[in-house]
Amino acid sequence: MTLKADYYYHACDPQVIAQKGENTLTLRFQTTEVHGDRYGRSGKHVHIELPTGFAMQLLTGLKAAQGELGLSENVPFPLLFSTPPKRETN
């Protein structure tokens, strides 16, 4: 299926940023760029902020794709971390 997108990125290193008491989750990815004949990390990041309901809808879709395509549950590193609220940072 080909869908037209206004923005299209190749990305890696997915992370989920969550803060207690917030109603959104931020998905963070590092973009990639072509290095010769392969993709490599660009050092630039994309953040996509989703209300928790839409984030859970995405999770449901990912789990369905996992089952349908027989994808592994093994991940090489934790994908969820929390950041302190803004008032606790420098």
PDB file of N, CA and C in Angstrom:
ATOM      1  N   MET A   1       0.855  -1.169   0.000  1.00  0.00           N
ATOM      2  CA  MET A   1       0.000   0.000   0.000  1.00  0.00           C
ATOM      3  C   MET A   1       0.904   1.237   0.000  1.00  0.00           C
ATOM      4  N   THR A   2       0.617   2.177  -0.846  1.00  0.00           N
ATOM      5  CA  THR A   2       1.366   3.425  -0.892  1.00  0.00           C
ATOM      6  C   THR A   2       0.466   4.558  -0.429  1.00  0.00           C
ATOM      7  N   LEU A   3       0.885   5.234   0.599  1.00  0.00           N
ATOM      8  CA  LEU A   3       0.145   6.375   1.120  1.00  0.00           C
ATOM      9  C   LEU A   3       0.985   7.625   0.934  1.00  0.00           C
ATOM     10  N   LYS A   4       0.350   8.710   0.522  1.00  0.00           N
ATOM     11  CA  LYS A   4       1.059   9.969   0.374  1.00  0.00           C
ATOM     12  C   LYS A   4       1.245  10.589   1.755  1.00  0.00           C
ATOM     13  N   ALA A   5       2.456  11.070   2.009  1.00  0.00           N
ATOM     14  CA  ALA A   5       2.749  11.710   3.292  1.00  0.00           C
ATOM     15  C   ALA A   5       3.348  13.083   3.040  1.00  0.00           C
ATOM     16  N   ASP A   6       3.072  14.017   3.914  1.00  0.00           N
ATOM     17  CA  ASP A   6       3.688  15.344   3.816  1.00  0.00           C
ATOM     18  C   ASP A   6       5.131  15.309   4.313  1.00  0.00           C
ATOM     19  N   TYR A   7       5.419  14.415   5.237  1.00  0.00           N
ATOM     20  CA  TYR A   7       6.772  14.239   5.765  1.00  0.00           C
ATOM     21  C   TYR A   7       7.073  12.753   5.756  1.00  0.00           C
ATOM     22  N   TYR A   8       8.251  12.397   5.321  1.00  0.00           N
ATOM     23  CA  TYR A   8       8.639  10.998   5.258  1.00  0.00           C
ATOM     24  C   TYR A   8      10.070  10.886   5.753  1.00  0.00           C
ATOM     25  N   TYR A   9      10.298  10.087   6.787  1.00  0.00           N
ATOM     26  CA  TYR A   9      11.622   9.934   7.376  1.00  0.00           C
ATOM     27  C   TYR A   9      11.986   8.457   7.460  1.00  0.00           C
ATOM     28  N   HIS A  10      13.239   8.161   7.247  1.00  0.00           N
ATOM     29  CA  HIS A  10      13.784   6.875   7.656  1.00  0.00           C
ATOM     30  C   HIS A  10      14.330   7.138   9.048  1.00  0.00           C
ATOM     31  N   ALA A  11      14.021   6.276   9.996  1.00  0.00           N
ATOM     32  CA  ALA A  11      14.390   6.553  11.374  1.00  0.00           C
ATOM     33  C   ALA A  11      14.861   5.290  12.080  1.00  0.00           C
ATOM     34  N   CYS A  12      15.525   5.493  13.226  1.00  0.00           N
ATOM     35  CA  CYS A  12      15.995   4.394  14.066  1.00  0.00           C
ATOM     36  C   CYS A  12      15.918   4.835  15.521  1.00  0.00           C
ATOM     37  N   ASP A  13      16.354   3.987  16.412  1.00  0.00           N
ATOM     38  CA  ASP A  13      16.432   4.297  17.843  1.00  0.00           C
ATOM     39  C   ASP A  13      15.119   4.832  18.428  1.00  0.00           C
ATOM     40  N   PRO A  14      14.015   4.085  18.287  1.00  0.00           N
ATOM     41  CA  PRO A  14      12.746   4.582  18.833  1.00  0.00           C
ATOM     42  C   PRO A  14      12.778   4.632  20.356  1.00  0.00           C
ATOM     43  N   GLN A  15      12.201   5.676  20.896  1.00  0.00           N
ATOM     44  CA  GLN A  15      12.074   5.838  22.339  1.00  0.00           C
ATOM     45  C   GLN A  15      10.694   6.399  22.646  1.00  0.00           C
ATOM     46  N   VAL A  16      10.213   6.128  23.844  1.00  0.00           N
ATOM     47  CA  VAL A  16       8.963   6.702  24.323  1.00  0.00           C
ATOM     48  C   VAL A  16       9.292   7.543  25.547  1.00  0.00           C
ATOM     49  N   ILE A  17       8.903   8.794  25.519  1.00  0.00           N
ATOM     50  CA  ILE A  17       9.144   9.708  26.632  1.00  0.00           C
ATOM     51  C   ILE A  17       7.807   9.955  27.316  1.00  0.00           C
ATOM     52  N   ALA A  18       7.772   9.668  28.616  1.00  0.00           N
ATOM     53  CA  ALA A  18       6.524   9.795  29.365  1.00  0.00           C
ATOM     54  C   ALA A  18       6.787  10.526  30.667  1.00  0.00           C
ATOM     55  N   GLN A  19       5.813  11.305  31.089  1.00  0.00           N
ATOM     56  CA  GLN A  19       5.874  11.976  32.383  1.00  0.00           C
ATOM     57  C   GLN A  19       4.588  11.682  33.130  1.00  0.00           C
ATOM     58  N   LYS A  20       4.717  11.309  34.397  1.00  0.00           N
ATOM     59  CA  LYS A  20       3.514  11.059  35.208  1.00  0.00           C
ATOM     60  C   LYS A  20       2.675  12.324  35.268  1.00  0.00           C
ATOM     61  N   GLY A  21       1.376  12.139  35.181  1.00  0.00           N
ATOM     62  CA  GLY A  21       0.457  13.267  35.256  1.00  0.00           C
ATOM     63  C   GLY A  21       0.207  13.954  33.922  1.00  0.00           C
ATOM     64  N   GLU A  22       0.970  13.604  32.894  1.00  0.00           N
ATOM     65  CA  GLU A  22       0.757  14.179  31.564  1.00  0.00           C
ATOM     66  C   GLU A  22      -0.172  13.274  30.766  1.00  0.00           C
ATOM     67  N   ASN A  23      -0.954  13.847  29.869  1.00  0.00           N
ATOM     68  CA  ASN A  23      -1.888  13.078  29.041  1.00  0.00           C
ATOM     69  C   ASN A  23      -1.347  12.833  27.643  1.00  0.00           C
ATOM     70  N   THR A  24      -0.026  12.957  27.484  1.00  0.00           N
ATOM     71  CA  THR A  24       0.586  12.719  26.178  1.00  0.00           C
ATOM     72  C   THR A  24       1.824  11.849  26.342  1.00  0.00           C
ATOM     73  N   LEU A  25       2.174  11.174  25.270  1.00  0.00           N
ATOM     74  CA  LEU A  25       3.431  10.438  25.164  1.00  0.00           C
ATOM     75  C   LEU A  25       4.178  11.005  23.976  1.00  0.00           C
ATOM     76  N   THR A  26       5.476  11.109  24.103  1.00  0.00           N
ATOM     77  CA  THR A  26       6.299  11.599  23.007  1.00  0.00           C
ATOM     78  C   THR A  26       7.091  10.434  22.439  1.00  0.00           C
ATOM     79  N   LEU A  27       6.961  10.226  21.134  1.00  0.00           N
ATOM     80  CA  LEU A  27       7.752   9.222  20.438  1.00  0.00           C
ATOM     81  C   LEU A  27       8.968   9.949  19.865  1.00  0.00           C
ATOM     82  N   ARG A  28      10.166   9.465  20.175  1.00  0.00           N
ATOM     83  CA  ARG A  28      11.405  10.102  19.732  1.00  0.00           C
ATOM     84  C   ARG A  28      12.160   9.119  18.839  1.00  0.00           C
ATOM     85  N   PHE A  29      12.566   9.595  17.682  1.00  0.00           N
ATOM     86  CA  PHE A  29      13.326   8.794  16.733  1.00  0.00           C
ATOM     87  C   PHE A  29      14.535   9.591  16.281  1.00  0.00           C
ATOM     88  N   GLN A  30      15.618   8.887  15.971  1.00  0.00           N
ATOM     89  CA  GLN A  30      16.746   9.529  15.307  1.00  0.00           C
ATOM     90  C   GLN A  30      16.568   9.286  13.809  1.00  0.00           C
ATOM     91  N   THR A  31      16.697  10.334  13.026  1.00  0.00           N
ATOM     92  CA  THR A  31      16.563  10.161  11.578  1.00  0.00           C
ATOM     93  C   THR A  31      17.846   9.545  11.029  1.00  0.00           C
ATOM     94  N   THR A  32      17.716   8.958   9.863  1.00  0.00           N
ATOM     95  CA  THR A  32      18.866   8.370   9.191  1.00  0.00           C
ATOM     96  C   THR A  32      19.050   9.050   7.848  1.00  0.00           C
ATOM     97  N   GLU A  33      20.237   8.927   7.320  1.00  0.00           N
ATOM     98  CA  GLU A  33      20.531   9.475   6.001  1.00  0.00           C
ATOM     99  C   GLU A  33      21.410   8.475   5.267  1.00  0.00           C
ATOM    100  N   VAL A  34      21.485   8.630   3.963  1.00  0.00           N
ATOM    101  CA  VAL A  34      22.247   7.699   3.142  1.00  0.00           C
ATOM    102  C   VAL A  34      23.740   7.971   3.315  1.00  0.00           C
ATOM    103  N   HIS A  35      24.470   6.913   3.625  1.00  0.00           N
ATOM    104  CA  HIS A  35      25.928   6.946   3.714  1.00  0.00           C
ATOM    105  C   HIS A  35      26.444   5.901   2.732  1.00  0.00           C
ATOM    106  N   GLY A  36      26.796   6.336   1.541  1.00  0.00           N
ATOM    107  CA  GLY A  36      27.221   5.380   0.508  1.00  0.00           C
ATOM    108  C   GLY A  36      26.050   4.554   0.043  1.00  0.00           C
ATOM    109  N   ASP A  37      26.109   3.244   0.297  1.00  0.00           N
ATOM    110  CA  ASP A  37      25.032   2.347  -0.154  1.00  0.00           C
ATOM    111  C   ASP A  37      24.133   1.893   0.994  1.00  0.00           C
ATOM    112  N   ARG A  38      24.206   2.562   2.150  1.00  0.00           N
ATOM    113  CA  ARG A  38      23.363   2.174   3.287  1.00  0.00           C
ATOM    114  C   ARG A  38      22.958   3.408   4.085  1.00  0.00           C
ATOM    115  N   TYR A  39      22.021   3.189   5.001  1.00  0.00           N
ATOM    116  CA  TYR A  39      21.568   4.270   5.874  1.00  0.00           C
ATOM    117  C   TYR A  39      22.412   4.299   7.136  1.00  0.00           C
ATOM    118  N   GLY A  40      22.626   5.497   7.681  1.00  0.00           N
ATOM    119  CA  GLY A  40      23.325   5.666   8.951  1.00  0.00           C
ATOM    120  C   GLY A  40      22.635   6.744   9.761  1.00  0.00           C
ATOM    121  N   ARG A  41      22.934   6.777  11.048  1.00  0.00           N
ATOM    122  CA  ARG A  41      22.329   7.768  11.943  1.00  0.00           C
ATOM    123  C   ARG A  41      22.757   9.177  11.529  1.00  0.00           C
ATOM    124  N   SER A  42      21.797  10.102  11.571  1.00  0.00           N
ATOM    125  CA  SER A  42      22.063  11.485  11.164  1.00  0.00           C
ATOM    126  C   SER A  42      22.466  12.375  12.334  1.00  0.00           C
ATOM    127  N   GLY A  43      22.133  11.962  13.554  1.00  0.00           N
ATOM    128  CA  GLY A  43      22.360  12.819  14.710  1.00  0.00           C
ATOM    129  C   GLY A  43      21.221  13.802  14.938  1.00  0.00           C
ATOM    130  N   LYS A  44      20.200  13.763  14.087  1.00  0.00           N
ATOM    131  CA  LYS A  44      19.025  14.628  14.216  1.00  0.00           C
ATOM    132  C   LYS A  44      17.858  13.785  14.713  1.00  0.00           C
ATOM    133  N   HIS A  45      16.969  14.424  15.473  1.00  0.00           N
ATOM    134  CA  HIS A  45      15.849  13.695  16.069  1.00  0.00           C
ATOM    135  C   HIS A  45      14.504  14.291  15.666  1.00  0.00           C
ATOM    136  N   VAL A  46      13.513  13.423  15.640  1.00  0.00           N
ATOM    137  CA  VAL A  46      12.130  13.799  15.382  1.00  0.00           C
ATOM    138  C   VAL A  46      11.329  13.405  16.613  1.00  0.00           C
ATOM    139  N   HIS A  47      10.490  14.320  17.100  1.00  0.00           N
ATOM    140  CA  HIS A  47       9.589  14.025  18.217  1.00  0.00           C
ATOM    141  C   HIS A  47       8.160  14.087  17.690  1.00  0.00           C
ATOM    142  N   ILE A  48       7.384  13.075  18.029  1.00  0.00           N
ATOM    143  CA  ILE A  48       5.960  13.043  17.691  1.00  0.00           C
ATOM    144  C   ILE A  48       5.213  12.911  19.004  1.00  0.00           C
ATOM    145  N   GLU A  49       4.433  13.917  19.341  1.00  0.00           N
ATOM    146  CA  GLU A  49       3.686  13.904  20.598  1.00  0.00           C
ATOM    147  C   GLU A  49       2.257  13.464  20.321  1.00  0.00           C
ATOM    148  N   LEU A  50       1.819  12.455  21.076  1.00  0.00           N
ATOM    149  CA  LEU A  50       0.478  11.897  20.893  1.00  0.00           C
ATOM    150  C   LEU A  50      -0.288  11.905  22.205  1.00  0.00           C
ATOM    151  N   PRO A  51      -1.586  12.247  22.163  1.00  0.00           N
ATOM    152  CA  PRO A  51      -2.414  12.008  23.340  1.00  0.00           C
ATOM    153  C   PRO A  51      -2.377  10.508  23.653  1.00  0.00           C
ATOM    154  N   THR A  52      -2.490  10.143  24.915  1.00  0.00           N
ATOM    155  CA  THR A  52      -2.330   8.744  25.296  1.00  0.00           C
ATOM    156  C   THR A  52      -3.304   7.814  24.563  1.00  0.00           C
ATOM    157  N   GLY A  53      -4.508   8.277  24.278  1.00  0.00           N
ATOM    158  CA  GLY A  53      -5.461   7.435  23.541  1.00  0.00           C
ATOM    159  C   GLY A  53      -4.941   7.063  22.158  1.00  0.00           C
ATOM    160  N   PHE A  54      -4.373   8.015  21.454  1.00  0.00           N
ATOM    161  CA  PHE A  54      -3.818   7.733  20.127  1.00  0.00           C
ATOM    162  C   PHE A  54      -2.555   6.887  20.234  1.00  0.00           C
ATOM    163  N   ALA A  55      -1.769   7.099  21.286  1.00  0.00           N
ATOM    164  CA  ALA A  55      -0.579   6.271  21.495  1.00  0.00           C
ATOM    165  C   ALA A  55      -0.977   4.812  21.713  1.00  0.00           C
ATOM    166  N   MET A  56      -2.035   4.587  22.490  1.00  0.00           N
ATOM    167  CA  MET A  56      -2.497   3.218  22.734  1.00  0.00           C
ATOM    168  C   MET A  56      -3.083   2.611  21.457  1.00  0.00           C
ATOM    169  N   GLN A  57      -3.705   3.437  20.620  1.00  0.00           N
ATOM    170  CA  GLN A  57      -4.206   2.974  19.328  1.00  0.00           C
ATOM    171  C   GLN A  57      -3.025   2.520  18.463  1.00  0.00           C
ATOM    172  N   LEU A  58      -1.925   3.269  18.497  1.00  0.00           N
ATOM    173  CA  LEU A  58      -0.719   2.883  17.764  1.00  0.00           C
ATOM    174  C   LEU A  58      -0.184   1.554  18.293  1.00  0.00           C
ATOM    175  N   LEU A  59      -0.151   1.392  19.615  1.00  0.00           N
ATOM    176  CA  LEU A  59       0.322   0.146  20.213  1.00  0.00           C
ATOM    177  C   LEU A  59      -0.529  -1.034  19.749  1.00  0.00           C
ATOM    178  N   THR A  60      -1.840  -0.851  19.704  1.00  0.00           N
ATOM    179  CA  THR A  60      -2.737  -1.910  19.230  1.00  0.00           C
ATOM    180  C   THR A  60      -2.410  -2.288  17.795  1.00  0.00           C
ATOM    181  N   GLY A  61      -2.163  -1.287  16.955  1.00  0.00           N
ATOM    182  CA  GLY A  61      -1.792  -1.548  15.558  1.00  0.00           C
ATOM    183  C   GLY A  61      -0.457  -2.267  15.443  1.00  0.00           C
ATOM    184  N   LEU A  62       0.512  -1.878  16.267  1.00  0.00           N
ATOM    185  CA  LEU A  62       1.821  -2.538  16.243  1.00  0.00           C
ATOM    186  C   LEU A  62       1.710  -3.990  16.691  1.00  0.00           C
ATOM    187  N   LYS A  63       0.909  -4.251  17.720  1.00  0.00           N
ATOM    188  CA  LYS A  63       0.730  -5.624  18.189  1.00  0.00           C
ATOM    189  C   LYS A  63       0.027  -6.476  17.130  1.00  0.00           C
ATOM    190  N   ALA A  64      -0.942  -5.892  16.432  1.00  0.00           N
ATOM    191  CA  ALA A  64      -1.624  -6.619  15.356  1.00  0.00           C
ATOM    192  C   ALA A  64      -0.637  -6.947  14.235  1.00  0.00           C
ATOM    193  N   ALA A  65       0.203  -5.992  13.855  1.00  0.00           N
ATOM    194  CA  ALA A  65       1.206  -6.231  12.813  1.00  0.00           C
ATOM    195  C   ALA A  65       2.204  -7.293  13.268  1.00  0.00           C
ATOM    196  N   GLN A  66       2.567  -7.246  14.543  1.00  0.00           N
ATOM    197  CA  GLN A  66       3.497  -8.227  15.091  1.00  0.00           C
ATOM    198  C   GLN A  66       2.939  -9.639  14.935  1.00  0.00           C
ATOM    199  N   GLY A  67       1.676  -9.828  15.301  1.00  0.00           N
ATOM    200  CA  GLY A  67       1.053 -11.141  15.184  1.00  0.00           C
ATOM    201  C   GLY A  67       0.885 -11.571  13.743  1.00  0.00           C
ATOM    202  N   GLU A  68       0.437 -10.654  12.905  1.00  0.00           N
ATOM    203  CA  GLU A  68       0.175 -10.962  11.499  1.00  0.00           C
ATOM    204  C   GLU A  68       1.457 -11.300  10.743  1.00  0.00           C
ATOM    205  N   LEU A  69       2.545 -10.600  11.069  1.00  0.00           N
ATOM    206  CA  LEU A  69       3.796 -10.782  10.343  1.00  0.00           C
ATOM    207  C   LEU A  69       4.773 -11.709  11.060  1.00  0.00           C
ATOM    208  N   GLY A  70       4.404 -12.177  12.253  1.00  0.00           N
ATOM    209  CA  GLY A  70       5.276 -13.077  13.004  1.00  0.00           C
ATOM    210  C   GLY A  70       6.553 -12.398  13.484  1.00  0.00           C
ATOM    211  N   LEU A  71       6.440 -11.136  13.912  1.00  0.00           N
ATOM    212  CA  LEU A  71       7.616 -10.386  14.358  1.00  0.00           C
ATOM    213  C   LEU A  71       7.979 -10.762  15.791  1.00  0.00           C
ATOM    214  N   SER A  72       9.262 -10.744  16.083  1.00  0.00           N
ATOM    215  CA  SER A  72       9.772 -11.119  17.399  1.00  0.00           C
ATOM    216  C   SER A  72       9.415 -10.077  18.457  1.00  0.00           C
ATOM    217  N   GLU A  73       9.293 -10.526  19.706  1.00  0.00           N
ATOM    218  CA  GLU A  73       9.088  -9.609  20.827  1.00  0.00           C
ATOM    219  C   GLU A  73      10.408  -9.150  21.419  1.00  0.00           C
ATOM    220  N   ASN A  74      11.515  -9.759  21.012  1.00  0.00           N
ATOM    221  CA  ASN A  74      12.823  -9.404  21.553  1.00  0.00           C
ATOM    222  C   ASN A  74      13.244  -8.029  21.068  1.00  0.00           C
ATOM    223  N   VAL A  75      13.612  -7.178  22.013  1.00  0.00           N
ATOM    224  CA  VAL A  75      14.139  -5.856  21.677  1.00  0.00           C
ATOM    225  C   VAL A  75      15.497  -5.719  22.363  1.00  0.00           C
ATOM    226  N   PRO A  76      16.458  -5.057  21.725  1.00  0.00           N
ATOM    227  CA  PRO A  76      17.811  -5.018  22.257  1.00  0.00           C
ATOM    228  C   PRO A  76      18.020  -4.066  23.435  1.00  0.00           C
ATOM    229  N   PHE A  77      17.079  -3.173  23.702  1.00  0.00           N
ATOM    230  CA  PHE A  77      17.250  -2.192  24.776  1.00  0.00           C
ATOM    231  C   PHE A  77      15.887  -1.692  25.206  1.00  0.00           C
ATOM    232  N   PRO A  78      15.777  -1.115  26.416  1.00  0.00           N
ATOM    233  CA  PRO A  78      14.482  -0.590  26.861  1.00  0.00           C
ATOM    234  C   PRO A  78      14.022   0.570  25.993  1.00  0.00           C
ATOM    235  N   LEU A  79      12.741   0.617  25.711  1.00  0.00           N
ATOM    236  CA  LEU A  79      12.196   1.668  24.858  1.00  0.00           C
ATOM    237  C   LEU A  79      11.413   2.718  25.636  1.00  0.00           C
ATOM    238  N   LEU A  80      11.289   2.561  26.956  1.00  0.00           N
ATOM    239  CA  LEU A  80      10.493   3.492  27.749  1.00  0.00           C
ATOM    240  C   LEU A  80      11.365   4.106  28.830  1.00  0.00           C
ATOM    241  N   PHE A  81      11.343   5.416  28.906  1.00  0.00           N
ATOM    242  CA  PHE A  81      12.026   6.082  29.994  1.00  0.00           C
ATOM    243  C   PHE A  81      11.236   7.310  30.360  1.00  0.00           C
ATOM    244  N   SER A  82      11.465   7.819  31.546  1.00  0.00           N
ATOM    245  CA  SER A  82      10.747   8.997  32.021  1.00  0.00           C
ATOM    246  C   SER A  82      11.709  10.155  32.167  1.00  0.00           C
ATOM    247  N   THR A  83      11.193  11.336  31.948  1.00  0.00           N
ATOM    248  CA  THR A  83      11.982  12.540  32.186  1.00  0.00           C
ATOM    249  C   THR A  83      11.334  13.288  33.346  1.00  0.00           C
ATOM    250  N   PRO A  84      12.139  13.986  34.134  1.00  0.00           N
ATOM    251  CA  PRO A  84      11.543  14.739  35.242  1.00  0.00           C
ATOM    252  C   PRO A  84      10.681  15.887  34.703  1.00  0.00           C
ATOM    253  N   PRO A  85       9.680  16.309  35.462  1.00  0.00           N
ATOM    254  CA  PRO A  85       8.898  17.474  35.028  1.00  0.00           C
ATOM    255  C   PRO A  85       9.828  18.679  34.835  1.00  0.00           C
ATOM    256  N   LYS A  86       9.410  19.608  33.991  1.00  0.00           N
ATOM    257  CA  LYS A  86      10.249  20.761  33.644  1.00  0.00           C
ATOM    258  C   LYS A  86      10.742  21.521  34.865  1.00  0.00           C
ATOM    259  N   ARG A  87       9.945  21.605  35.909  1.00  0.00           N
ATOM    260  CA  ARG A  87      10.340  22.380  37.093  1.00  0.00           C
ATOM    261  C   ARG A  87      11.499  21.710  37.834  1.00  0.00           C
ATOM    262  N   GLU A  88      11.756  20.403  37.554  1.00  0.00           N
ATOM    263  CA  GLU A  88      12.843  19.707  38.228  1.00  0.00           C
ATOM    264  C   GLU A  88      14.117  19.668  37.396  1.00  0.00           C
ATOM    265  N   THR A  89      14.101  20.215  36.204  1.00  0.00           N
ATOM    266  CA  THR A  89      15.295  20.214  35.361  1.00  0.00           C
ATOM    267  C   THR A  89      15.988  21.561  35.458  1.00  0.00           C
ATOM    268  N   ASN A  90      17.229  21.608  34.995  1.00  0.00           N
ATOM    269  CA  ASN A  90      17.984  22.874  35.070  1.00  0.00           C
ATOM    270  C   ASN A  90      17.432  23.902  34.138  1.00  0.00           C
TER     271      ASN A  90
END
